[in-house]
Amino acid sequence: MVKLTTAEAMQKAIDKARAVKPMVRIVNFGSYTVTNKQTGATYSVKCEKRNGERIADCDCKAGARGLRCYHVAAAAGCHIILAAERATLHA
């Protein structure tokens, strides 16, 4: 579990996501798969609010240890855009 707070807190993971350029696939709102196109490794990421906090879970080794991984950074970027679109549609 990783708390999604600020871009500054996630910067290292964001930088790695920009370098790796993983493919993010939307399973459904809040659920994503992130694939490293070079290695083919695919991980599941879930983004949600728990007790008012933005949380992400990734099933990679780093995510299992509660570390901010680039899979979460990539999926969170998509999730933020989708959440903003949903808010606009339902406003």
N, C-alpha and C. Protein backbone atom coordinates (compact mmCIF):
# COMPACT_ATOMS: atom_id res chain seq x y z
N MET A 1 0.84 -1.17 0.00
CA MET A 1 0.00 0.00 0.00
C MET A 1 0.88 1.24 0.00
N VAL A 2 0.58 2.16 -0.90
CA VAL A 2 1.31 3.41 -1.01
C VAL A 2 0.32 4.55 -0.95
N LYS A 3 0.60 5.54 -0.11
CA LYS A 3 -0.24 6.74 -0.09
C LYS A 3 0.18 7.64 -1.23
N LEU A 4 -0.82 8.08 -2.00
CA LEU A 4 -0.56 9.00 -3.11
C LEU A 4 -0.76 10.41 -2.57
N THR A 5 0.33 11.07 -2.29
CA THR A 5 0.25 12.40 -1.69
C THR A 5 0.57 13.47 -2.73
N THR A 6 1.83 13.77 -2.91
CA THR A 6 2.23 14.83 -3.84
C THR A 6 3.14 14.28 -4.93
N ALA A 7 3.24 15.03 -6.01
CA ALA A 7 4.16 14.65 -7.09
C ALA A 7 5.59 14.61 -6.57
N GLU A 8 5.92 15.49 -5.63
CA GLU A 8 7.27 15.52 -5.08
C GLU A 8 7.59 14.20 -4.38
N ALA A 9 6.63 13.67 -3.64
CA ALA A 9 6.85 12.41 -2.92
C ALA A 9 7.00 11.24 -3.89
N MET A 10 6.39 11.34 -5.05
CA MET A 10 6.41 10.28 -6.06
C MET A 10 7.45 10.52 -7.15
N GLN A 11 8.26 11.58 -7.04
CA GLN A 11 9.09 12.01 -8.16
C GLN A 11 10.02 10.94 -8.71
N LYS A 12 10.66 10.17 -7.85
CA LYS A 12 11.59 9.14 -8.33
C LYS A 12 10.84 8.09 -9.16
N ALA A 13 9.66 7.69 -8.69
CA ALA A 13 8.85 6.71 -9.42
C ALA A 13 8.32 7.31 -10.72
N ILE A 14 7.95 8.58 -10.70
CA ILE A 14 7.48 9.27 -11.91
C ILE A 14 8.60 9.32 -12.94
N ASP A 15 9.80 9.68 -12.50
CA ASP A 15 10.95 9.75 -13.41
C ASP A 15 11.23 8.39 -14.05
N LYS A 16 11.14 7.33 -13.27
CA LYS A 16 11.39 5.99 -13.83
C LYS A 16 10.29 5.62 -14.82
N ALA A 17 9.04 5.95 -14.50
CA ALA A 17 7.94 5.66 -15.43
C ALA A 17 8.14 6.40 -16.74
N ARG A 18 8.60 7.64 -16.67
CA ARG A 18 8.87 8.40 -17.89
C ARG A 18 9.99 7.76 -18.71
N ALA A 19 10.99 7.22 -18.04
CA ALA A 19 12.11 6.58 -18.74
C ALA A 19 11.72 5.23 -19.34
N VAL A 20 10.97 4.43 -18.58
CA VAL A 20 10.60 3.09 -19.01
C VAL A 20 9.45 3.11 -20.02
N LYS A 21 8.55 4.10 -19.87
CA LYS A 21 7.37 4.22 -20.74
C LYS A 21 6.54 2.93 -20.76
N PRO A 22 6.05 2.52 -19.60
CA PRO A 22 5.26 1.29 -19.55
C PRO A 22 3.89 1.47 -20.21
N MET A 23 3.28 0.36 -20.56
CA MET A 23 1.94 0.39 -21.13
C MET A 23 0.94 0.19 -19.98
N VAL A 24 0.00 1.11 -19.87
CA VAL A 24 -1.04 1.00 -18.84
C VAL A 24 -2.34 0.62 -19.53
N ARG A 25 -2.96 -0.43 -19.01
CA ARG A 25 -4.25 -0.87 -19.54
C ARG A 25 -5.29 -0.72 -18.44
N ILE A 26 -6.41 -0.12 -18.80
CA ILE A 26 -7.50 0.06 -17.84
C ILE A 26 -8.31 -1.22 -17.80
N VAL A 27 -8.38 -1.84 -16.63
CA VAL A 27 -9.23 -3.01 -16.44
C VAL A 27 -10.64 -2.51 -16.15
N ASN A 28 -10.76 -1.64 -15.18
CA ASN A 28 -11.96 -0.86 -14.88
C ASN A 28 -11.52 0.31 -14.02
N PHE A 29 -12.42 1.22 -13.71
CA PHE A 29 -12.03 2.39 -12.94
C PHE A 29 -11.39 1.96 -11.63
N GLY A 30 -10.15 2.36 -11.43
CA GLY A 30 -9.42 2.04 -10.22
C GLY A 30 -8.55 0.79 -10.31
N SER A 31 -8.68 0.04 -11.39
CA SER A 31 -7.92 -1.19 -11.56
C SER A 31 -7.19 -1.16 -12.91
N TYR A 32 -5.87 -1.37 -12.86
CA TYR A 32 -5.03 -1.21 -14.05
C TYR A 32 -4.00 -2.33 -14.12
N THR A 33 -3.54 -2.64 -15.32
CA THR A 33 -2.36 -3.47 -15.48
C THR A 33 -1.28 -2.60 -16.10
N VAL A 34 -0.07 -2.76 -15.63
CA VAL A 34 1.07 -1.98 -16.12
C VAL A 34 2.12 -2.97 -16.61
N THR A 35 2.49 -2.82 -17.88
CA THR A 35 3.43 -3.74 -18.52
C THR A 35 4.69 -3.01 -18.95
N ASN A 36 5.83 -3.58 -18.57
CA ASN A 36 7.12 -3.10 -19.05
C ASN A 36 7.27 -3.66 -20.46
N LYS A 37 7.28 -2.79 -21.47
CA LYS A 37 7.31 -3.24 -22.86
C LYS A 37 8.62 -3.94 -23.23
N GLN A 38 9.69 -3.67 -22.49
CA GLN A 38 10.98 -4.31 -22.80
C GLN A 38 11.05 -5.73 -22.24
N THR A 39 10.56 -5.92 -21.02
CA THR A 39 10.68 -7.23 -20.38
C THR A 39 9.40 -8.06 -20.48
N GLY A 40 8.28 -7.41 -20.72
CA GLY A 40 7.00 -8.11 -20.76
C GLY A 40 6.38 -8.34 -19.40
N ALA A 41 7.08 -7.93 -18.33
CA ALA A 41 6.54 -8.11 -16.98
C ALA A 41 5.31 -7.24 -16.80
N THR A 42 4.24 -7.83 -16.27
CA THR A 42 2.98 -7.12 -16.07
C THR A 42 2.58 -7.20 -14.60
N TYR A 43 2.13 -6.06 -14.07
CA TYR A 43 1.72 -5.99 -12.67
C TYR A 43 0.34 -5.36 -12.59
N SER A 44 -0.39 -5.71 -11.54
CA SER A 44 -1.72 -5.16 -11.30
C SER A 44 -1.61 -4.04 -10.28
N VAL A 45 -2.28 -2.93 -10.58
CA VAL A 45 -2.30 -1.77 -9.68
C VAL A 45 -3.74 -1.39 -9.41
N LYS A 46 -4.05 -1.15 -8.15
CA LYS A 46 -5.38 -0.68 -7.77
C LYS A 46 -5.23 0.68 -7.12
N CYS A 47 -6.05 1.64 -7.55
CA CYS A 47 -6.06 2.99 -6.99
C CYS A 47 -7.43 3.23 -6.40
N GLU A 48 -7.47 3.75 -5.18
CA GLU A 48 -8.76 4.01 -4.53
C GLU A 48 -8.58 4.98 -3.38
N LYS A 49 -9.72 5.40 -2.83
CA LYS A 49 -9.70 6.20 -1.61
C LYS A 49 -10.07 5.30 -0.45
N ARG A 50 -9.26 5.36 0.60
CA ARG A 50 -9.54 4.62 1.83
C ARG A 50 -9.47 5.61 2.98
N ASN A 51 -10.54 5.72 3.70
CA ASN A 51 -10.60 6.64 4.83
C ASN A 51 -10.16 8.04 4.43
N GLY A 52 -10.57 8.48 3.23
CA GLY A 52 -10.26 9.82 2.75
C GLY A 52 -8.87 10.00 2.16
N GLU A 53 -8.06 8.95 2.16
CA GLU A 53 -6.70 9.04 1.61
C GLU A 53 -6.63 8.33 0.27
N ARG A 54 -5.84 8.89 -0.64
CA ARG A 54 -5.62 8.24 -1.94
C ARG A 54 -4.55 7.17 -1.76
N ILE A 55 -4.92 5.95 -2.11
CA ILE A 55 -4.07 4.78 -1.88
C ILE A 55 -3.88 4.02 -3.19
N ALA A 56 -2.71 3.43 -3.37
CA ALA A 56 -2.47 2.54 -4.51
C ALA A 56 -1.80 1.27 -4.00
N ASP A 57 -2.18 0.16 -4.59
CA ASP A 57 -1.56 -1.13 -4.30
C ASP A 57 -1.02 -1.70 -5.61
N CYS A 58 0.21 -2.19 -5.58
CA CYS A 58 0.81 -2.85 -6.74
C CYS A 58 1.31 -4.22 -6.30
N ASP A 59 1.16 -5.22 -7.16
CA ASP A 59 1.58 -6.56 -6.78
C ASP A 59 3.03 -6.89 -7.15
N CYS A 60 3.83 -5.85 -7.49
CA CYS A 60 5.26 -6.08 -7.73
C CYS A 60 5.99 -6.23 -6.39
N LYS A 61 7.26 -6.61 -6.43
CA LYS A 61 8.03 -6.79 -5.19
C LYS A 61 8.14 -5.50 -4.39
N ALA A 62 8.39 -4.38 -5.07
CA ALA A 62 8.51 -3.10 -4.37
C ALA A 62 7.17 -2.71 -3.75
N GLY A 63 6.10 -2.88 -4.52
CA GLY A 63 4.76 -2.56 -4.02
C GLY A 63 4.38 -3.40 -2.81
N ALA A 64 4.77 -4.66 -2.82
CA ALA A 64 4.49 -5.55 -1.69
C ALA A 64 5.19 -5.08 -0.42
N ARG A 65 6.28 -4.34 -0.59
CA ARG A 65 7.02 -3.79 0.55
C ARG A 65 6.58 -2.37 0.90
N GLY A 66 5.55 -1.85 0.19
CA GLY A 66 5.05 -0.51 0.48
C GLY A 66 5.88 0.60 -0.12
N LEU A 67 6.71 0.26 -1.12
CA LEU A 67 7.55 1.27 -1.76
C LEU A 67 6.83 1.86 -2.97
N ARG A 68 7.20 3.08 -3.31
CA ARG A 68 6.61 3.75 -4.48
C ARG A 68 7.30 3.22 -5.74
N CYS A 69 6.58 2.46 -6.54
CA CYS A 69 7.15 1.89 -7.76
C CYS A 69 6.65 2.67 -8.98
N TYR A 70 7.34 2.47 -10.10
CA TYR A 70 6.93 3.18 -11.31
C TYR A 70 5.61 2.67 -11.86
N HIS A 71 5.22 1.46 -11.48
CA HIS A 71 3.92 0.93 -11.92
C HIS A 71 2.79 1.77 -11.32
N VAL A 72 2.93 2.10 -10.03
CA VAL A 72 1.94 2.95 -9.37
C VAL A 72 1.95 4.34 -9.99
N ALA A 73 3.13 4.88 -10.25
CA ALA A 73 3.21 6.23 -10.84
C ALA A 73 2.49 6.26 -12.19
N ALA A 74 2.71 5.25 -13.01
CA ALA A 74 2.09 5.21 -14.34
C ALA A 74 0.58 5.04 -14.23
N ALA A 75 0.13 4.11 -13.40
CA ALA A 75 -1.31 3.88 -13.25
C ALA A 75 -1.99 5.08 -12.60
N ALA A 76 -1.34 5.70 -11.63
CA ALA A 76 -1.94 6.85 -10.95
C ALA A 76 -2.15 8.00 -11.92
N GLY A 77 -1.23 8.18 -12.85
CA GLY A 77 -1.41 9.23 -13.87
C GLY A 77 -2.68 9.01 -14.66
N CYS A 78 -2.92 7.78 -15.08
CA CYS A 78 -4.16 7.46 -15.81
C CYS A 78 -5.38 7.62 -14.91
N HIS A 79 -5.25 7.16 -13.68
CA HIS A 79 -6.37 7.21 -12.74
C HIS A 79 -6.81 8.65 -12.47
N ILE A 80 -5.86 9.54 -12.31
CA ILE A 80 -6.17 10.95 -12.05
C ILE A 80 -6.95 11.54 -13.21
N ILE A 81 -6.54 11.23 -14.43
CA ILE A 81 -7.24 11.74 -15.62
C ILE A 81 -8.65 11.17 -15.68
N LEU A 82 -8.80 9.87 -15.46
CA LEU A 82 -10.13 9.25 -15.49
C LEU A 82 -11.03 9.80 -14.40
N ALA A 83 -10.48 10.00 -13.21
CA ALA A 83 -11.28 10.54 -12.10
C ALA A 83 -11.76 11.95 -12.41
N ALA A 84 -10.91 12.76 -13.03
CA ALA A 84 -11.30 14.13 -13.40
C ALA A 84 -12.40 14.09 -14.46
N GLU A 85 -12.28 13.19 -15.43
CA GLU A 85 -13.32 13.06 -16.45
C GLU A 85 -14.64 12.62 -15.84
N ARG A 86 -14.59 11.66 -14.93
CA ARG A 86 -15.81 11.19 -14.26
C ARG A 86 -16.46 12.30 -13.47
N ALA A 87 -15.64 13.10 -12.78
CA ALA A 87 -16.18 14.20 -11.99
C ALA A 87 -16.87 15.22 -12.89
N THR A 88 -16.29 15.47 -14.06
CA THR A 88 -16.88 16.42 -15.01
C THR A 88 -18.19 15.87 -15.56
N LEU A 89 -18.23 14.60 -15.89
CA LEU A 89 -19.43 13.98 -16.45
C LEU A 89 -20.57 13.91 -15.45
N HIS A 90 -20.23 13.73 -14.17
CA HIS A 90 -21.25 13.57 -13.14
C HIS A 90 -21.55 14.87 -12.39
N ALA A 91 -20.98 15.97 -12.85
CA ALA A 91 -21.20 17.26 -12.17
C ALA A 91 -22.51 17.88 -12.60
